[in-house]
Amino acid sequence: KITDFGLSKVKTSRLSPQKRQHGAAYYCAPEALGNDPYDYPCDVFSFGVIVWELMHRQRPFYGIDVHPFIAIVQREGSRFVRGTLEWNEAAIAGVPQVKDIALRCWLETSKDRPTFQELVGEVLFAPPSSLSPPSKQSPPVKPPCKESSAEES
């Protein structure tokens, strides 16, 4: 696990579905922003956002305030994420499979998303040529967006 996207707790043999939002809204799966129960596939969704962020070297949803963002995602689901986070082909040059990975992580129905085990298997068994380093021409880095006024104090 790279990081905790809000599902941390003492791990038992089975994680019971959570019913309230945890984690940073810009990285949360639609079901985690609403009242629906959610489970591990939310972390997979968040991982897809992290993949996009790493490849583009900018914060996701830059310039969109958090409260309107939550309302839109609750209404439109992952369609909003898939339609808003545009892919810069220069940013993913040399590793085009990352786009497919992220798009699958953002599938609307959580049970349709890949598991981390499946993703690791894909990367480990990918042909070496498909994992070549990205282009040296990287997009500019945008500053982080403000999520709340609490950060200003």
C-alpha atoms as a PDB file:
ATOM      1  CA  LYS A   1       0.000   0.000   0.000  1.00  0.00           C
ATOM      2  CA  ILE A   2       1.442   3.379  -0.989  1.00  0.00           C
ATOM      3  CA  THR A   3      -0.614   5.508   1.362  1.00  0.00           C
ATOM      4  CA  ASP A   4      -3.860   5.544   3.275  1.00  0.00           C
ATOM      5  CA  PHE A   5      -6.737   7.107   1.378  1.00  0.00           C
ATOM      6  CA  GLY A   6      -9.013   7.161   4.398  1.00  0.00           C
ATOM      7  CA  LEU A   7      -9.872   3.535   4.996  1.00  0.00           C
ATOM      8  CA  SER A   8      -7.377   2.895   7.798  1.00  0.00           C
ATOM      9  CA  LYS A   9      -8.363   0.888  10.833  1.00  0.00           C
ATOM     10  CA  VAL A  10      -7.037  -2.142  12.632  1.00  0.00           C
ATOM     11  CA  LYS A  11      -7.242  -4.755   9.926  1.00  0.00           C
ATOM     12  CA  THR A  12      -9.325  -7.776  10.702  1.00  0.00           C
ATOM     13  CA  SER A  13      -9.961 -10.666   8.370  1.00  0.00           C
ATOM     14  CA  ARG A  14     -12.553  -8.513   6.588  1.00  0.00           C
ATOM     15  CA  LEU A  15     -12.931  -4.767   6.393  1.00  0.00           C
ATOM     16  CA  SER A  16     -16.470  -3.781   7.210  1.00  0.00           C
ATOM     17  CA  PRO A  17     -17.898  -1.254   4.767  1.00  0.00           C
ATOM     18  CA  GLN A  18     -17.505   2.354   5.881  1.00  0.00           C
ATOM     19  CA  LYS A  19     -20.469   4.721   5.774  1.00  0.00           C
ATOM     20  CA  ARG A  20     -18.996   8.192   6.098  1.00  0.00           C
ATOM     21  CA  GLN A  21     -16.422  10.115   4.136  1.00  0.00           C
ATOM     22  CA  HIS A  22     -12.764   9.828   5.060  1.00  0.00           C
ATOM     23  CA  GLY A  23      -9.725  11.120   3.217  1.00  0.00           C
ATOM     24  CA  ALA A  24      -9.118  13.974   0.781  1.00  0.00           C
ATOM     25  CA  ALA A  25     -12.162  14.685  -1.383  1.00  0.00           C
ATOM     26  CA  TYR A  26     -10.198  15.130  -4.619  1.00  0.00           C
ATOM     27  CA  TYR A  27      -8.949  11.546  -4.312  1.00  0.00           C
ATOM     28  CA  CYS A  28     -12.126   9.875  -3.021  1.00  0.00           C
ATOM     29  CA  ALA A  29     -14.284   7.510  -5.014  1.00  0.00           C
ATOM     30  CA  PRO A  30     -17.838   8.759  -5.627  1.00  0.00           C
ATOM     31  CA  GLU A  31     -19.306   6.205  -3.204  1.00  0.00           C
ATOM     32  CA  ALA A  32     -17.034   7.540  -0.429  1.00  0.00           C
ATOM     33  CA  LEU A  33     -18.381  11.062  -0.936  1.00  0.00           C
ATOM     34  CA  GLY A  34     -21.996  10.000  -0.571  1.00  0.00           C
ATOM     35  CA  ASN A  35     -23.905   7.920   1.910  1.00  0.00           C
ATOM     36  CA  ASP A  36     -23.246   4.590   0.196  1.00  0.00           C
ATOM     37  CA  PRO A  37     -21.165   1.970   2.004  1.00  0.00           C
ATOM     38  CA  TYR A  38     -17.699   1.500   0.554  1.00  0.00           C
ATOM     39  CA  ASP A  39     -14.712  -0.808   0.831  1.00  0.00           C
ATOM     40  CA  TYR A  40     -11.248  -1.435  -0.693  1.00  0.00           C
ATOM     41  CA  PRO A  41     -12.178  -0.475  -4.284  1.00  0.00           C
ATOM     42  CA  CYS A  42     -12.228   3.144  -3.051  1.00  0.00           C
ATOM     43  CA  ASP A  43      -8.466   2.902  -2.549  1.00  0.00           C
ATOM     44  CA  VAL A  44      -8.129   1.614  -6.116  1.00  0.00           C
ATOM     45  CA  PHE A  45     -10.091   4.644  -7.368  1.00  0.00           C
ATOM     46  CA  SER A  46      -7.797   6.940  -5.346  1.00  0.00           C
ATOM     47  CA  PHE A  47      -4.745   5.172  -6.741  1.00  0.00           C
ATOM     48  CA  GLY A  48      -5.955   6.025 -10.253  1.00  0.00           C
ATOM     49  CA  VAL A  49      -6.071   9.716  -9.303  1.00  0.00           C
ATOM     50  CA  ILE A  50      -2.531   9.437  -7.867  1.00  0.00           C
ATOM     51  CA  VAL A  51      -1.341   7.835 -11.133  1.00  0.00           C
ATOM     52  CA  TRP A  52      -2.790  10.780 -13.081  1.00  0.00           C
ATOM     53  CA  GLU A  53      -1.175  13.253 -10.645  1.00  0.00           C
ATOM     54  CA  LEU A  54       2.253  11.597 -10.887  1.00  0.00           C
ATOM     55  CA  MET A  55       2.204  11.516 -14.675  1.00  0.00           C
ATOM     56  CA  HIS A  56       1.060  15.128 -15.045  1.00  0.00           C
ATOM     57  CA  ARG A  57       2.969  16.572 -12.073  1.00  0.00           C
ATOM     58  CA  GLN A  58       0.009  18.681 -10.993  1.00  0.00           C
ATOM     59  CA  ARG A  59      -2.799  18.472  -8.489  1.00  0.00           C
ATOM     60  CA  PRO A  60      -6.009  16.869  -9.734  1.00  0.00           C
ATOM     61  CA  PHE A  61      -9.002  19.149 -10.247  1.00  0.00           C
ATOM     62  CA  TYR A  62      -6.816  22.245  -9.975  1.00  0.00           C
ATOM     63  CA  GLY A  63      -8.931  25.354  -9.466  1.00  0.00           C
ATOM     64  CA  ILE A  64     -12.143  23.559  -8.451  1.00  0.00           C
ATOM     65  CA  ASP A  65     -13.239  24.361  -4.894  1.00  0.00           C
ATOM     66  CA  VAL A  66     -13.807  21.320  -2.711  1.00  0.00           C
ATOM     67  CA  HIS A  67     -17.501  21.827  -1.831  1.00  0.00           C
ATOM     68  CA  PRO A  68     -18.735  22.253  -5.429  1.00  0.00           C
ATOM     69  CA  PHE A  69     -16.441  19.351  -6.388  1.00  0.00           C
ATOM     70  CA  ILE A  70     -18.098  17.041  -3.846  1.00  0.00           C
ATOM     71  CA  ALA A  71     -21.587  18.060  -5.006  1.00  0.00           C
ATOM     72  CA  ILE A  72     -20.727  17.413  -8.672  1.00  0.00           C
ATOM     73  CA  VAL A  73     -19.142  14.011  -7.970  1.00  0.00           C
ATOM     74  CA  GLN A  74     -22.114  12.994  -5.815  1.00  0.00           C
ATOM     75  CA  ARG A  75     -24.420  13.880  -8.715  1.00  0.00           C
ATOM     76  CA  GLU A  76     -22.352  12.648 -11.697  1.00  0.00           C
ATOM     77  CA  GLY A  77     -20.136   9.943 -10.188  1.00  0.00           C
ATOM     78  CA  SER A  78     -16.913   8.882 -11.849  1.00  0.00           C
ATOM     79  CA  ARG A  79     -18.099  10.268 -15.218  1.00  0.00           C
ATOM     80  CA  PHE A  80     -17.046  13.678 -13.889  1.00  0.00           C
ATOM     81  CA  VAL A  81     -13.571  12.420 -12.966  1.00  0.00           C
ATOM     82  CA  ARG A  82     -13.086  10.625 -16.288  1.00  0.00           C
ATOM     83  CA  GLY A  83     -14.284  13.689 -18.209  1.00  0.00           C
ATOM     84  CA  THR A  84     -12.387  16.328 -16.228  1.00  0.00           C
ATOM     85  CA  LEU A  85      -8.902  14.867 -15.786  1.00  0.00           C
ATOM     86  CA  GLU A  86      -7.557  15.226 -19.311  1.00  0.00           C
ATOM     87  CA  TRP A  87      -4.557  13.203 -20.475  1.00  0.00           C
ATOM     88  CA  ASN A  88      -1.522  15.013 -21.844  1.00  0.00           C
ATOM     89  CA  GLU A  89      -0.031  12.551 -24.333  1.00  0.00           C
ATOM     90  CA  ALA A  90       3.466  14.023 -23.815  1.00  0.00           C
ATOM     91  CA  ALA A  91       3.174  13.312 -20.081  1.00  0.00           C
ATOM     92  CA  ILE A  92       2.479   9.622 -20.666  1.00  0.00           C
ATOM     93  CA  ALA A  93       4.849   9.136 -23.608  1.00  0.00           C
ATOM     94  CA  GLY A  94       6.734   5.899 -23.124  1.00  0.00           C
ATOM     95  CA  VAL A  95       4.207   4.524 -20.625  1.00  0.00           C
ATOM     96  CA  PRO A  96       0.833   4.657 -22.406  1.00  0.00           C
ATOM     97  CA  GLN A  97      -0.576   1.786 -20.312  1.00  0.00           C
ATOM     98  CA  VAL A  98      -0.850   4.101 -17.290  1.00  0.00           C
ATOM     99  CA  LYS A  99      -3.840   5.814 -18.895  1.00  0.00           C
ATOM    100  CA  ASP A 100      -5.650   2.494 -19.249  1.00  0.00           C
ATOM    101  CA  ILE A 101      -4.786   1.587 -15.653  1.00  0.00           C
ATOM    102  CA  ALA A 102      -6.139   4.873 -14.278  1.00  0.00           C
ATOM    103  CA  LEU A 103      -9.308   4.740 -16.395  1.00  0.00           C
ATOM    104  CA  ARG A 104     -10.031   1.221 -15.139  1.00  0.00           C
ATOM    105  CA  CYS A 105      -9.435   2.397 -11.553  1.00  0.00           C
ATOM    106  CA  TRP A 106     -12.122   5.044 -12.113  1.00  0.00           C
ATOM    107  CA  LEU A 107     -14.868   2.679 -13.263  1.00  0.00           C
ATOM    108  CA  GLU A 108     -18.251   3.701 -11.862  1.00  0.00           C
ATOM    109  CA  THR A 109     -19.112   0.359 -10.296  1.00  0.00           C
ATOM    110  CA  SER A 110     -16.577  -0.460  -7.601  1.00  0.00           C
ATOM    111  CA  LYS A 111     -16.708  -4.220  -8.238  1.00  0.00           C
ATOM    112  CA  ASP A 112     -15.601  -3.589 -11.851  1.00  0.00           C
ATOM    113  CA  ARG A 113     -12.374  -1.851 -10.759  1.00  0.00           C
ATOM    114  CA  PRO A 114      -9.169  -3.903 -10.777  1.00  0.00           C
ATOM    115  CA  THR A 115      -7.662  -5.044  -7.494  1.00  0.00           C
ATOM    116  CA  PHE A 116      -4.178  -3.971  -6.458  1.00  0.00           C
ATOM    117  CA  GLN A 117      -3.073  -7.569  -6.905  1.00  0.00           C
ATOM    118  CA  GLU A 118      -4.255  -7.492 -10.534  1.00  0.00           C
ATOM    119  CA  LEU A 119      -2.519  -4.158 -11.143  1.00  0.00           C
ATOM    120  CA  VAL A 120       0.777  -5.390  -9.686  1.00  0.00           C
ATOM    121  CA  GLY A 121       0.581  -8.476 -11.884  1.00  0.00           C
ATOM    122  CA  GLU A 122       0.060  -6.346 -14.978  1.00  0.00           C
ATOM    123  CA  VAL A 123       3.052  -4.128 -14.235  1.00  0.00           C
ATOM    124  CA  LEU A 124       5.376  -6.969 -13.217  1.00  0.00           C
ATOM    125  CA  PHE A 125       4.608  -8.975 -16.335  1.00  0.00           C
ATOM    126  CA  ALA A 126       4.497  -6.063 -18.784  1.00  0.00           C
ATOM    127  CA  PRO A 127       7.036  -6.194 -21.625  1.00  0.00           C
ATOM    128  CA  PRO A 128      10.136  -4.123 -20.697  1.00  0.00           C
ATOM    129  CA  SER A 129       9.640  -1.847 -23.719  1.00  0.00           C
ATOM    130  CA  SER A 130       6.220  -0.775 -22.396  1.00  0.00           C
ATOM    131  CA  LEU A 131       7.809   0.497 -19.173  1.00  0.00           C
ATOM    132  CA  SER A 132      10.420   2.777 -20.720  1.00  0.00           C
ATOM    133  CA  PRO A 133      11.081   6.143 -19.033  1.00  0.00           C
ATOM    134  CA  PRO A 134       8.725   9.009 -19.899  1.00  0.00           C
ATOM    135  CA  SER A 135       9.660  11.837 -22.225  1.00  0.00           C
ATOM    136  CA  LYS A 136      12.062  14.454 -20.834  1.00  0.00           C
ATOM    137  CA  GLN A 137       9.540  17.072 -21.893  1.00  0.00           C
ATOM    138  CA  SER A 138       7.326  17.198 -18.802  1.00  0.00           C
ATOM    139  CA  PRO A 139       4.335  19.486 -18.346  1.00  0.00           C
ATOM    140  CA  PRO A 140       4.752  22.434 -15.947  1.00  0.00           C
ATOM    141  CA  VAL A 141       4.006  21.850 -12.285  1.00  0.00           C
ATOM    142  CA  LYS A 142       0.954  23.731 -11.010  1.00  0.00           C
ATOM    143  CA  PRO A 143       0.798  24.941  -7.404  1.00  0.00           C
ATOM    144  CA  PRO A 144      -1.403  23.028  -4.951  1.00  0.00           C
ATOM    145  CA  CYS A 145      -4.980  24.223  -4.663  1.00  0.00           C
ATOM    146  CA  LYS A 146      -6.459  25.401  -1.401  1.00  0.00           C
ATOM    147  CA  GLU A 147      -8.867  22.882   0.069  1.00  0.00           C
ATOM    148  CA  SER A 148     -10.047  24.954   3.006  1.00  0.00           C
ATOM    149  CA  SER A 149      -9.449  28.167   4.886  1.00  0.00           C
ATOM    150  CA  ALA A 150      -8.018  26.114   7.778  1.00  0.00           C
ATOM    151  CA  GLU A 151      -4.766  25.785   5.810  1.00  0.00           C
ATOM    152  CA  GLU A 152      -4.303  29.557   5.884  1.00  0.00           C
ATOM    153  CA  SER A 153      -4.034  29.750   9.690  1.00  0.00           C
END
